[in-house]
Protein backbone atom coordinates (compact mmCIF):
# COMPACT_ATOMS: atom_id res chain seq x y z
CA MET A 1 63.04 92.12 271.23
CA THR A 2 62.86 88.71 269.71
CA THR A 3 60.18 86.09 269.28
CA VAL A 4 59.87 83.81 272.30
CA ARG A 5 58.72 80.23 271.68
CA THR A 6 57.01 78.04 274.24
CA GLY A 7 55.42 74.61 273.87
CA ARG A 8 52.34 75.97 272.07
CA LEU A 9 52.90 79.68 271.66
CA ASP A 10 54.99 82.28 269.91
CA LEU A 11 55.35 85.59 271.71
CA VAL A 12 55.88 87.85 268.71
CA PRO A 13 57.14 91.42 269.13
CA LEU A 14 54.20 93.78 268.73
CA ALA A 15 53.81 95.43 265.33
CA VAL A 16 51.27 97.97 264.13
CA ALA A 17 50.11 95.37 261.60
CA HIS A 18 48.74 93.26 264.48
CA ALA A 19 46.06 95.86 265.30
CA GLY A 20 43.36 94.51 262.99
CA GLU A 21 43.51 90.93 264.25
CA MET A 22 43.96 92.03 267.87
CA ALA A 23 40.84 94.22 267.66
CA GLY A 24 38.92 90.98 267.13
CA VAL A 25 40.73 89.22 269.99
CA LEU A 26 39.85 92.08 272.36
CA ALA A 27 36.30 92.64 271.05
CA ASP A 28 34.32 90.95 273.84
CA PRO A 29 33.06 93.61 276.31
CA ALA A 30 33.22 91.00 279.11
CA LEU A 31 37.00 90.89 278.66
CA HIS A 32 37.18 94.46 279.95
CA THR A 33 35.39 93.76 283.25
CA PHE A 34 38.63 93.73 285.21
CA ILE A 35 40.97 95.63 282.89
CA GLY A 36 38.59 98.53 282.35
CA GLY A 37 37.60 100.45 279.28
CA ALA A 38 35.76 99.17 276.27
CA PRO A 39 36.84 97.05 273.31
CA PRO A 40 39.09 99.16 271.08
CA THR A 41 38.29 99.62 267.42
CA GLY A 42 40.87 98.68 264.80
CA PRO A 43 41.89 102.32 264.24
CA GLU A 44 42.11 102.98 268.00
CA LEU A 45 44.29 99.93 268.48
CA ARG A 46 46.45 100.88 265.47
CA ALA A 47 47.08 104.32 267.01
CA ARG A 48 47.92 102.73 270.37
CA TYR A 49 50.27 100.23 268.77
CA GLU A 50 52.00 103.03 266.85
CA ARG A 51 52.75 104.71 270.20
CA LEU A 52 53.90 101.46 271.82
CA VAL A 53 56.13 100.44 268.92
CA ALA A 54 57.74 103.90 268.93
CA GLY A 55 58.89 103.21 272.48
CA SER A 56 58.77 105.10 275.72
CA PRO A 57 59.52 108.81 275.55
CA ASP A 58 61.43 108.35 278.82
CA PRO A 59 64.86 106.83 278.14
CA ALA A 60 64.81 105.26 281.63
CA VAL A 61 61.70 103.23 280.74
CA VAL A 62 61.62 100.38 278.22
CA TRP A 63 58.33 99.11 276.83
CA CYS A 64 58.31 95.45 275.80
CA ASN A 65 55.15 94.22 274.08
CA TRP A 66 54.35 90.93 272.41
CA VAL A 67 51.27 89.44 270.80
CA VAL A 68 50.58 85.82 271.71
CA ARG A 69 50.20 83.57 268.68
CA LEU A 70 48.75 80.10 269.21
CA ARG A 71 50.79 78.10 266.68
CA ALA A 72 48.29 75.25 266.20
CA GLU A 73 45.59 77.71 265.12
CA ASP A 74 47.93 80.28 263.56
CA ARG A 75 45.91 82.97 265.32
CA LEU A 76 46.59 85.69 267.82
CA ALA A 77 45.09 84.97 271.23
CA GLY A 78 46.28 87.84 273.43
CA THR A 79 49.20 89.96 274.57
CA VAL A 80 51.89 90.10 277.21
CA GLN A 81 53.81 93.20 278.14
CA ALA A 82 56.52 94.45 280.44
CA THR A 83 57.51 97.96 281.43
CA VAL A 84 61.13 97.80 282.51
CA THR A 85 62.59 100.44 284.82
CA GLY A 86 65.33 100.84 287.41
CA GLY A 87 68.15 100.26 284.96
CA GLY A 88 66.60 96.98 283.87
CA ARG A 89 66.13 95.61 287.38
CA THR A 90 62.36 96.05 287.77
CA ALA A 91 59.55 95.09 285.40
CA GLU A 92 55.83 95.55 285.67
CA VAL A 93 54.05 92.89 283.65
CA ALA A 94 50.55 92.33 282.34
CA TRP A 95 48.74 89.82 280.16
CA VAL A 96 45.44 89.61 278.33
CA THR A 97 43.95 86.57 276.65
CA GLY A 98 40.92 86.91 274.41
CA THR A 99 37.72 85.38 275.73
CA GLU A 100 37.67 82.68 273.04
CA TRP A 101 41.03 81.31 274.26
CA GLN A 102 40.55 81.58 278.02
CA GLY A 103 40.63 78.47 280.18
CA ARG A 104 43.25 76.76 278.01
CA GLY A 105 46.37 77.75 279.97
CA ILE A 106 47.49 80.23 277.31
CA ALA A 107 47.90 83.18 279.69
CA ARG A 108 49.73 80.95 282.17
CA GLU A 109 52.14 79.73 279.49
CA ALA A 110 52.70 83.19 278.01
CA ALA A 111 53.14 84.98 281.36
CA GLY A 112 55.48 82.25 282.59
CA ALA A 113 57.62 82.65 279.48
CA LEU A 114 57.64 86.43 279.86
CA VAL A 115 58.69 86.31 283.52
CA GLY A 116 61.36 83.71 282.72
CA LEU A 117 62.75 85.90 279.93
CA LEU A 118 62.85 88.95 282.18
CA VAL A 119 64.62 87.12 285.01
CA ASP A 120 67.11 85.62 282.53
CA ARG A 121 67.87 89.17 281.34
CA GLY A 122 68.63 90.42 284.85
CA VAL A 123 65.31 91.74 286.10
CA ARG A 124 65.29 91.30 289.88
CA THR A 125 61.75 92.40 290.74
CA VAL A 126 58.72 91.48 288.65
CA VAL A 127 55.43 93.15 289.57
CA ALA A 128 51.86 92.62 288.40
CA HIS A 129 48.64 94.28 289.56
CA VAL A 130 45.60 92.00 289.70
CA HIS A 131 42.02 92.88 290.57
CA PRO A 132 41.15 91.08 293.84
CA ASP A 133 38.13 89.37 292.25
CA HIS A 134 40.00 88.19 289.15
CA THR A 135 40.81 84.66 290.29
CA ALA A 136 41.98 83.50 286.85
CA SER A 137 44.54 86.29 286.61
CA ALA A 138 45.68 85.64 290.18
CA ALA A 139 46.25 82.00 289.19
CA VAL A 140 48.35 83.15 286.22
CA ALA A 141 50.43 85.41 288.47
CA ARG A 142 50.98 82.60 290.97
CA ALA A 143 51.95 80.14 288.20
CA ALA A 144 54.48 82.69 286.91
CA GLY A 145 56.13 82.73 290.34
CA LEU A 146 54.64 85.93 291.73
CA ALA A 147 53.08 86.17 295.19
CA PRO A 148 50.45 88.61 296.46
CA THR A 149 51.53 91.41 298.78
CA GLU A 150 49.53 93.54 301.16
CA GLU A 151 49.96 96.54 298.85
CA ARG A 152 47.07 97.88 296.77
CA GLN A 153 47.15 100.27 293.85
CA ASP A 154 43.93 101.58 292.32
CA GLY A 155 42.08 98.78 294.09
CA GLU A 156 44.31 96.05 292.66
CA VAL A 157 46.58 93.68 294.57
CA ARG A 158 50.30 94.06 293.94
CA TRP A 159 51.92 90.71 293.13
CA GLU A 160 55.71 90.36 293.19
CA LEU A 161 58.57 88.06 292.37
CA ARG A 162 61.93 89.03 293.81
CA THR A 163 65.04 87.18 292.74
CA ALA A 164 68.41 87.12 294.47
CA PRO A 165 70.69 90.07 293.62
């Protein structure tokens, strides 16, 4: 994985060293309304990042994780991730932007860059799961080129982008 640059952001490959700063980004309990759980502590996030950086134990699954750095502030503002399966043809994506940075188009820009990268690398189906009441996340999915489907998983709407074979 490499760093991906957009107009305002750097998507930097996840490193264990990001855990401390990201614990602050993810600290607002309100952020977890739709994604579930509670804000992770620094040590909890460090342990999680150690697992993610080590990679999937399944050789047919590739984990791709980036932190989102807002260049103008030189601060982390969130994450984007993709789980790639099907020989690199399918990716499930997700994004999180810390409460302090929401409403500034950061998730839209980061998710758009992620989806563009995946499609450029041959992914043919991009999937995201969005809580039906999470209008901001639905707007991010739509801006990234995904469309809602009738499918539900764990109460969330499946969004998809399918490209030509």
